[in-house]
């Protein structure tokens, strides 16, 4: 069954190589993004032991969030139960 599954998955994909190995093509130049900026967002909920950490990130048609360049910076303190 694993072999059949692998064959099925391979039939649905397109074969490619790493772009670093393609030494004969001219490099592509990204021209659609004019500028970028880093924006800080703070949680909209109180931080609790069991609650979710929620953020509100609004957007419009002129901007988008590049999740490949997004990170979460946390400053935490771990303590024993008695403080």
PDB file of N, CA and C in Angstrom:
ATOM      1  N   UNK A   1       0.821  -1.202   0.000  1.00  0.00           N
ATOM      2  CA  UNK A   1       0.000   0.000   0.000  1.00  0.00           C
ATOM      3  C   UNK A   1       0.866   1.267   0.000  1.00  0.00           C
ATOM      4  N   UNK A   2       1.978   1.267   0.756  1.00  0.00           N
ATOM      5  CA  UNK A   2       2.873   2.433   0.763  1.00  0.00           C
ATOM      6  C   UNK A   2       3.440   2.706  -0.617  1.00  0.00           C
ATOM      7  N   UNK A   3       3.774   1.623  -1.344  1.00  0.00           N
ATOM      8  CA  UNK A   3       4.336   1.799  -2.687  1.00  0.00           C
ATOM      9  C   UNK A   3       3.301   2.440  -3.613  1.00  0.00           C
ATOM     10  N   UNK A   4       2.063   1.960  -3.561  1.00  0.00           N
ATOM     11  CA  UNK A   4       1.000   2.535  -4.392  1.00  0.00           C
ATOM     12  C   UNK A   4       0.754   3.994  -4.034  1.00  0.00           C
ATOM     13  N   UNK A   5       0.810   4.286  -2.760  1.00  0.00           N
ATOM     14  CA  UNK A   5       0.611   5.671  -2.308  1.00  0.00           C
ATOM     15  C   UNK A   5       1.727   6.567  -2.832  1.00  0.00           C
ATOM     16  N   UNK A   6       2.964   6.083  -2.777  1.00  0.00           N
ATOM     17  CA  UNK A   6       4.100   6.860  -3.280  1.00  0.00           C
ATOM     18  C   UNK A   6       3.976   7.108  -4.774  1.00  0.00           C
ATOM     19  N   UNK A   7       3.573   6.092  -5.515  1.00  0.00           N
ATOM     20  CA  UNK A   7       3.401   6.244  -6.964  1.00  0.00           C
ATOM     21  C   UNK A   7       2.302   7.253  -7.251  1.00  0.00           C
ATOM     22  N   UNK A   8       1.196   7.187  -6.490  1.00  0.00           N
ATOM     23  CA  UNK A   8       0.099   8.135  -6.677  1.00  0.00           C
ATOM     24  C   UNK A   8       0.570   9.554  -6.393  1.00  0.00           C
ATOM     25  N   UNK A   9       1.304   9.750  -5.301  1.00  0.00           N
ATOM     26  CA  UNK A   9       1.777  11.090  -4.950  1.00  0.00           C
ATOM     27  C   UNK A   9       2.740  11.620  -6.002  1.00  0.00           C
ATOM     28  N   UNK A  10       3.616  10.762  -6.516  1.00  0.00           N
ATOM     29  CA  UNK A  10       4.578  11.200  -7.522  1.00  0.00           C
ATOM     30  C   UNK A  10       3.885  11.555  -8.827  1.00  0.00           C
ATOM     31  N   UNK A  11       2.779  10.897  -9.133  1.00  0.00           N
ATOM     32  CA  UNK A  11       2.084  11.190 -10.385  1.00  0.00           C
ATOM     33  C   UNK A  11       1.375  12.537 -10.337  1.00  0.00           C
ATOM     34  N   UNK A  12       1.160  13.089  -9.160  1.00  0.00           N
ATOM     35  CA  UNK A  12       0.468  14.367  -8.999  1.00  0.00           C
ATOM     36  C   UNK A  12       1.433  15.546  -8.899  1.00  0.00           C
ATOM     37  N   UNK A  13       2.722  15.303  -8.912  1.00  0.00           N
ATOM     38  CA  UNK A  13       3.707  16.367  -8.744  1.00  0.00           C
ATOM     39  C   UNK A  13       4.515  16.579 -10.016  1.00  0.00           C
ATOM     40  N   UNK A  14       5.078  17.746 -10.132  1.00  0.00           N
ATOM     41  CA  UNK A  14       5.933  18.086 -11.267  1.00  0.00           C
ATOM     42  C   UNK A  14       7.381  18.049 -10.794  1.00  0.00           C
ATOM     43  N   UNK A  15       8.216  17.375 -11.539  1.00  0.00           N
ATOM     44  CA  UNK A  15       9.618  17.245 -11.184  1.00  0.00           C
ATOM     45  C   UNK A  15      10.348  18.566 -11.397  1.00  0.00           C
ATOM     46  N   UNK A  16      11.284  18.884 -10.498  1.00  0.00           N
ATOM     47  CA  UNK A  16      12.061  20.121 -10.630  1.00  0.00           C
ATOM     48  C   UNK A  16      13.450  19.912 -10.037  1.00  0.00           C
ATOM     49  N   UNK A  17      14.292  20.893 -10.192  1.00  0.00           N
ATOM     50  CA  UNK A  17      15.613  20.879  -9.575  1.00  0.00           C
ATOM     51  C   UNK A  17      15.759  22.127  -8.726  1.00  0.00           C
ATOM     52  N   UNK A  18      16.783  22.161  -7.918  1.00  0.00           N
ATOM     53  CA  UNK A  18      17.042  23.340  -7.100  1.00  0.00           C
ATOM     54  C   UNK A  18      17.510  24.474  -7.997  1.00  0.00           C
ATOM     55  N   UNK A  19      17.010  25.664  -7.734  1.00  0.00           N
ATOM     56  CA  UNK A  19      17.367  26.810  -8.571  1.00  0.00           C
ATOM     57  C   UNK A  19      18.862  27.123  -8.489  1.00  0.00           C
ATOM     58  N   UNK A  20      19.502  26.768  -7.380  1.00  0.00           N
ATOM     59  CA  UNK A  20      20.942  27.006  -7.238  1.00  0.00           C
ATOM     60  C   UNK A  20      21.759  26.195  -8.239  1.00  0.00           C
ATOM     61  N   UNK A  21      21.184  25.100  -8.737  1.00  0.00           N
ATOM     62  CA  UNK A  21      21.893  24.243  -9.688  1.00  0.00           C
ATOM     63  C   UNK A  21      21.680  24.666 -11.132  1.00  0.00           C
ATOM     64  N   UNK A  22      20.776  25.581 -11.372  1.00  0.00           N
ATOM     65  CA  UNK A  22      20.459  26.023 -12.727  1.00  0.00           C
ATOM     66  C   UNK A  22      21.401  27.168 -13.110  1.00  0.00           C
ATOM     67  N   UNK A  23      22.615  26.812 -13.524  1.00  0.00           N
ATOM     68  CA  UNK A  23      23.649  27.831 -13.775  1.00  0.00           C
ATOM     69  C   UNK A  23      23.579  28.426 -15.179  1.00  0.00           C
ATOM     70  N   UNK A  24      22.712  27.916 -16.044  1.00  0.00           N
ATOM     71  CA  UNK A  24      22.663  28.401 -17.418  1.00  0.00           C
ATOM     72  C   UNK A  24      21.527  29.387 -17.689  1.00  0.00           C
ATOM     73  N   UNK A  25      20.639  29.577 -16.736  1.00  0.00           N
ATOM     74  CA  UNK A  25      19.534  30.528 -16.912  1.00  0.00           C
ATOM     75  C   UNK A  25      19.883  31.862 -16.262  1.00  0.00           C
ATOM     76  N   UNK A  26      19.366  32.913 -16.855  1.00  0.00           N
ATOM     77  CA  UNK A  26      19.548  34.226 -16.246  1.00  0.00           C
ATOM     78  C   UNK A  26      18.736  34.286 -14.959  1.00  0.00           C
ATOM     79  N   UNK A  27      19.245  34.962 -13.936  1.00  0.00           N
ATOM     80  CA  UNK A  27      18.506  35.020 -12.674  1.00  0.00           C
ATOM     81  C   UNK A  27      17.221  35.830 -12.820  1.00  0.00           C
ATOM     82  N   UNK A  28      16.197  35.413 -12.084  1.00  0.00           N
ATOM     83  CA  UNK A  28      14.936  36.134 -12.073  1.00  0.00           C
ATOM     84  C   UNK A  28      15.052  37.328 -11.131  1.00  0.00           C
ATOM     85  N   UNK A  29      14.398  38.413 -11.476  1.00  0.00           N
ATOM     86  CA  UNK A  29      14.413  39.616 -10.649  1.00  0.00           C
ATOM     87  C   UNK A  29      12.981  39.916 -10.227  1.00  0.00           C
ATOM     88  N   UNK A  30      12.761  39.988  -8.936  1.00  0.00           N
ATOM     89  CA  UNK A  30      11.440  40.290  -8.388  1.00  0.00           C
ATOM     90  C   UNK A  30      11.200  41.782  -8.506  1.00  0.00           C
ATOM     91  N   UNK A  31      10.130  42.174  -9.191  1.00  0.00           N
ATOM     92  CA  UNK A  31       9.835  43.599  -9.385  1.00  0.00           C
ATOM     93  C   UNK A  31       8.450  43.987  -8.883  1.00  0.00           C
ATOM     94  N   UNK A  32       7.721  43.063  -8.280  1.00  0.00           N
ATOM     95  CA  UNK A  32       6.351  43.374  -7.866  1.00  0.00           C
ATOM     96  C   UNK A  32       6.272  44.016  -6.487  1.00  0.00           C
ATOM     97  N   UNK A  33       7.274  43.823  -5.642  1.00  0.00           N
ATOM     98  CA  UNK A  33       7.269  44.429  -4.311  1.00  0.00           C
ATOM     99  C   UNK A  33       8.186  45.639  -4.340  1.00  0.00           C
ATOM    100  N   UNK A  34       7.613  46.796  -4.072  1.00  0.00           N
ATOM    101  CA  UNK A  34       8.379  48.040  -4.134  1.00  0.00           C
ATOM    102  C   UNK A  34       9.151  48.278  -2.847  1.00  0.00           C
ATOM    103  N   UNK A  35       8.518  48.031  -1.713  1.00  0.00           N
ATOM    104  CA  UNK A  35       9.199  48.214  -0.432  1.00  0.00           C
ATOM    105  C   UNK A  35       8.569  47.298   0.600  1.00  0.00           C
ATOM    106  N   UNK A  36       9.247  47.159   1.706  1.00  0.00           N
ATOM    107  CA  UNK A  36       8.737  46.354   2.807  1.00  0.00           C
ATOM    108  C   UNK A  36       9.020  47.052   4.118  1.00  0.00           C
ATOM    109  N   UNK A  37       8.319  46.646   5.133  1.00  0.00           N
ATOM    110  CA  UNK A  37       8.560  47.224   6.455  1.00  0.00           C
ATOM    111  C   UNK A  37       8.189  46.203   7.512  1.00  0.00           C
ATOM    112  N   UNK A  38       8.833  46.330   8.659  1.00  0.00           N
ATOM    113  CA  UNK A  38       8.537  45.480   9.796  1.00  0.00           C
ATOM    114  C   UNK A  38       7.517  46.197  10.666  1.00  0.00           C
ATOM    115  N   UNK A  39       6.490  45.489  11.082  1.00  0.00           N
ATOM    116  CA  UNK A  39       5.435  46.061  11.912  1.00  0.00           C
ATOM    117  C   UNK A  39       5.269  45.183  13.147  1.00  0.00           C
ATOM    118  N   UNK A  40       5.156  45.817  14.315  1.00  0.00           N
ATOM    119  CA  UNK A  40       4.933  45.072  15.551  1.00  0.00           C
ATOM    120  C   UNK A  40       3.446  45.019  15.858  1.00  0.00           C
ATOM    121  N   UNK A  41       2.982  43.844  16.231  1.00  0.00           N
ATOM    122  CA  UNK A  41       1.605  43.657  16.678  1.00  0.00           C
ATOM    123  C   UNK A  41       1.650  43.092  18.087  1.00  0.00           C
ATOM    124  N   UNK A  42       0.784  43.585  18.929  1.00  0.00           N
ATOM    125  CA  UNK A  42       0.711  43.111  20.308  1.00  0.00           C
ATOM    126  C   UNK A  42      -0.569  42.300  20.482  1.00  0.00           C
ATOM    127  N   UNK A  43      -0.578  41.371  21.449  1.00  0.00           N
ATOM    128  CA  UNK A  43      -1.772  40.538  21.644  1.00  0.00           C
ATOM    129  C   UNK A  43      -3.001  41.384  21.974  1.00  0.00           C
ATOM    130  N   UNK A  44      -4.161  40.926  21.512  1.00  0.00           N
ATOM    131  CA  UNK A  44      -5.413  41.618  21.831  1.00  0.00           C
ATOM    132  C   UNK A  44      -6.115  40.952  23.005  1.00  0.00           C
ATOM    133  N   UNK A  45      -5.575  39.840  23.490  1.00  0.00           N
ATOM    134  CA  UNK A  45      -6.147  39.143  24.639  1.00  0.00           C
ATOM    135  C   UNK A  45      -5.154  39.172  25.785  1.00  0.00           C
ATOM    136  N   UNK A  46      -5.670  39.044  26.997  1.00  0.00           N
ATOM    137  CA  UNK A  46      -4.792  38.934  28.157  1.00  0.00           C
ATOM    138  C   UNK A  46      -4.113  37.580  28.128  1.00  0.00           C
ATOM    139  N   UNK A  47      -2.884  37.545  28.555  1.00  0.00           N
ATOM    140  CA  UNK A  47      -2.131  36.296  28.568  1.00  0.00           C
ATOM    141  C   UNK A  47      -2.506  35.526  29.827  1.00  0.00           C
ATOM    142  N   UNK A  48      -2.961  34.293  29.642  1.00  0.00           N
ATOM    143  CA  UNK A  48      -3.334  33.429  30.760  1.00  0.00           C
ATOM    144  C   UNK A  48      -2.639  32.091  30.607  1.00  0.00           C
ATOM    145  N   UNK A  49      -2.771  31.247  31.647  1.00  0.00           N
ATOM    146  CA  UNK A  49      -2.143  29.923  31.603  1.00  0.00           C
ATOM    147  C   UNK A  49      -2.750  29.024  30.530  1.00  0.00           C
ATOM    148  N   UNK A  50      -4.047  29.167  30.295  1.00  0.00           N
ATOM    149  CA  UNK A  50      -4.701  28.223  29.391  1.00  0.00           C
ATOM    150  C   UNK A  50      -5.346  28.873  28.171  1.00  0.00           C
ATOM    151  N   UNK A  51      -5.322  30.186  28.092  1.00  0.00           N
ATOM    152  CA  UNK A  51      -5.986  30.862  26.983  1.00  0.00           C
ATOM    153  C   UNK A  51      -5.096  30.998  25.766  1.00  0.00           C
ATOM    154  N   UNK A  52      -5.699  31.217  24.604  1.00  0.00           N
ATOM    155  CA  UNK A  52      -4.906  31.407  23.381  1.00  0.00           C
ATOM    156  C   UNK A  52      -4.279  32.799  23.331  1.00  0.00           C
ATOM    157  N   UNK A  53      -3.232  32.920  22.603  1.00  0.00           N
ATOM    158  CA  UNK A  53      -2.569  34.201  22.357  1.00  0.00           C
ATOM    159  C   UNK A  53      -3.092  34.693  21.015  1.00  0.00           C
ATOM    160  N   UNK A  54      -3.888  35.771  21.013  1.00  0.00           N
ATOM    161  CA  UNK A  54      -4.545  36.220  19.788  1.00  0.00           C
ATOM    162  C   UNK A  54      -4.042  37.593  19.365  1.00  0.00           C
ATOM    163  N   UNK A  55      -3.937  37.763  18.047  1.00  0.00           N
ATOM    164  CA  UNK A  55      -3.520  39.023  17.450  1.00  0.00           C
ATOM    165  C   UNK A  55      -4.558  39.431  16.416  1.00  0.00           C
ATOM    166  N   UNK A  56      -4.702  40.714  16.204  1.00  0.00           N
ATOM    167  CA  UNK A  56      -5.561  41.220  15.138  1.00  0.00           C
ATOM    168  C   UNK A  56      -4.664  41.909  14.115  1.00  0.00           C
ATOM    169  N   UNK A  57      -4.574  41.315  12.939  1.00  0.00           N
ATOM    170  CA  UNK A  57      -3.726  41.858  11.880  1.00  0.00           C
ATOM    171  C   UNK A  57      -4.641  42.214  10.719  1.00  0.00           C
ATOM    172  N   UNK A  58      -4.939  43.491  10.606  1.00  0.00           N
ATOM    173  CA  UNK A  58      -5.833  43.921   9.533  1.00  0.00           C
ATOM    174  C   UNK A  58      -5.013  44.252   8.294  1.00  0.00           C
ATOM    175  N   UNK A  59      -5.640  44.180   7.170  1.00  0.00           N
ATOM    176  CA  UNK A  59      -4.939  44.470   5.929  1.00  0.00           C
ATOM    177  C   UNK A  59      -5.857  45.128   4.931  1.00  0.00           C
ATOM    178  N   UNK A  60      -5.275  45.500   3.808  1.00  0.00           N
ATOM    179  CA  UNK A  60      -6.074  46.035   2.710  1.00  0.00           C
ATOM    180  C   UNK A  60      -5.489  45.535   1.402  1.00  0.00           C
ATOM    181  N   UNK A  61      -6.019  45.964   0.301  1.00  0.00           N
ATOM    182  CA  UNK A  61      -5.592  45.426  -0.990  1.00  0.00           C
ATOM    183  C   UNK A  61      -4.211  45.917  -1.424  1.00  0.00           C
ATOM    184  N   UNK A  62      -3.678  46.947  -0.770  1.00  0.00           N
ATOM    185  CA  UNK A  62      -2.359  47.460  -1.142  1.00  0.00           C
ATOM    186  C   UNK A  62      -1.217  46.760  -0.409  1.00  0.00           C
ATOM    187  N   UNK A  63      -1.514  46.064   0.674  1.00  0.00           N
ATOM    188  CA  UNK A  63      -0.484  45.439   1.499  1.00  0.00           C
ATOM    189  C   UNK A  63      -0.843  43.982   1.754  1.00  0.00           C
ATOM    190  N   UNK A  64       0.175  43.191   2.029  1.00  0.00           N
ATOM    191  CA  UNK A  64      -0.069  41.814   2.417  1.00  0.00           C
ATOM    192  C   UNK A  64       0.966  41.405   3.447  1.00  0.00           C
ATOM    193  N   UNK A  65       0.660  40.357   4.187  1.00  0.00           N
ATOM    194  CA  UNK A  65       1.564  39.823   5.199  1.00  0.00           C
ATOM    195  C   UNK A  65       2.331  38.675   4.564  1.00  0.00           C
ATOM    196  N   UNK A  66       3.646  38.783   4.573  1.00  0.00           N
ATOM    197  CA  UNK A  66       4.505  37.728   4.040  1.00  0.00           C
ATOM    198  C   UNK A  66       4.795  36.754   5.176  1.00  0.00           C
ATOM    199  N   UNK A  67       4.015  35.685   5.263  1.00  0.00           N
ATOM    200  CA  UNK A  67       4.166  34.757   6.374  1.00  0.00           C
ATOM    201  C   UNK A  67       5.499  34.017   6.340  1.00  0.00           C
ATOM    202  N   UNK A  68       6.168  33.976   5.216  1.00  0.00           N
ATOM    203  CA  UNK A  68       7.495  33.361   5.153  1.00  0.00           C
ATOM    204  C   UNK A  68       8.526  34.218   5.881  1.00  0.00           C
ATOM    205  N   UNK A  69       8.237  35.506   6.061  1.00  0.00           N
ATOM    206  CA  UNK A  69       9.152  36.423   6.744  1.00  0.00           C
ATOM    207  C   UNK A  69       8.575  36.889   8.086  1.00  0.00           C
ATOM    208  N   UNK A  70       7.635  36.146   8.633  1.00  0.00           N
ATOM    209  CA  UNK A  70       6.972  36.507   9.883  1.00  0.00           C
ATOM    210  C   UNK A  70       7.570  35.700  11.023  1.00  0.00           C
ATOM    211  N   UNK A  71       7.757  36.346  12.162  1.00  0.00           N
ATOM    212  CA  UNK A  71       8.236  35.613  13.324  1.00  0.00           C
ATOM    213  C   UNK A  71       7.544  36.116  14.568  1.00  0.00           C
ATOM    214  N   UNK A  72       7.604  35.316  15.613  1.00  0.00           N
ATOM    215  CA  UNK A  72       6.990  35.632  16.890  1.00  0.00           C
ATOM    216  C   UNK A  72       8.101  35.721  17.919  1.00  0.00           C
ATOM    217  N   UNK A  73       8.231  36.874  18.539  1.00  0.00           N
ATOM    218  CA  UNK A  73       9.263  37.084  19.547  1.00  0.00           C
ATOM    219  C   UNK A  73       8.583  37.090  20.909  1.00  0.00           C
ATOM    220  N   UNK A  74       9.016  36.200  21.779  1.00  0.00           N
ATOM    221  CA  UNK A  74       8.430  36.079  23.105  1.00  0.00           C
ATOM    222  C   UNK A  74       9.486  36.324  24.169  1.00  0.00           C
ATOM    223  N   UNK A  75       9.091  37.013  25.206  1.00  0.00           N
ATOM    224  CA  UNK A  75       9.942  37.167  26.385  1.00  0.00           C
ATOM    225  C   UNK A  75       9.173  36.511  27.520  1.00  0.00           C
ATOM    226  N   UNK A  76       9.679  35.398  28.023  1.00  0.00           N
ATOM    227  CA  UNK A  76       8.952  34.621  29.022  1.00  0.00           C
ATOM    228  C   UNK A  76       9.803  34.411  30.262  1.00  0.00           C
ATOM    229  N   UNK A  77       9.121  34.116  31.341  1.00  0.00           N
ATOM    230  CA  UNK A  77       9.789  33.785  32.594  1.00  0.00           C
ATOM    231  C   UNK A  77       9.129  32.521  33.121  1.00  0.00           C
ATOM    232  N   UNK A  78       9.912  31.475  33.329  1.00  0.00           N
ATOM    233  CA  UNK A  78       9.399  30.208  33.831  1.00  0.00           C
ATOM    234  C   UNK A  78       9.637  30.172  35.333  1.00  0.00           C
ATOM    235  N   UNK A  79       8.571  29.932  36.092  1.00  0.00           N
ATOM    236  CA  UNK A  79       8.680  29.875  37.554  1.00  0.00           C
ATOM    237  C   UNK A  79       8.049  28.592  38.066  1.00  0.00           C
ATOM    238  N   UNK A  80       8.391  28.249  39.296  1.00  0.00           N
ATOM    239  CA  UNK A  80       7.757  27.097  39.937  1.00  0.00           C
ATOM    240  C   UNK A  80       6.325  27.463  40.307  1.00  0.00           C
ATOM    241  N   UNK A  81       5.520  26.442  40.603  1.00  0.00           N
ATOM    242  CA  UNK A  81       4.114  26.677  40.925  1.00  0.00           C
ATOM    243  C   UNK A  81       3.929  27.606  42.116  1.00  0.00           C
ATOM    244  N   UNK A  82       4.821  27.526  43.098  1.00  0.00           N
ATOM    245  CA  UNK A  82       4.670  28.342  44.312  1.00  0.00           C
ATOM    246  C   UNK A  82       5.230  29.754  44.137  1.00  0.00           C
ATOM    247  N   UNK A  83       5.658  30.084  42.925  1.00  0.00           N
ATOM    248  CA  UNK A  83       6.111  31.442  42.640  1.00  0.00           C
ATOM    249  C   UNK A  83       7.598  31.555  42.575  1.00  0.00           C
TER     250      UNK A  83
END
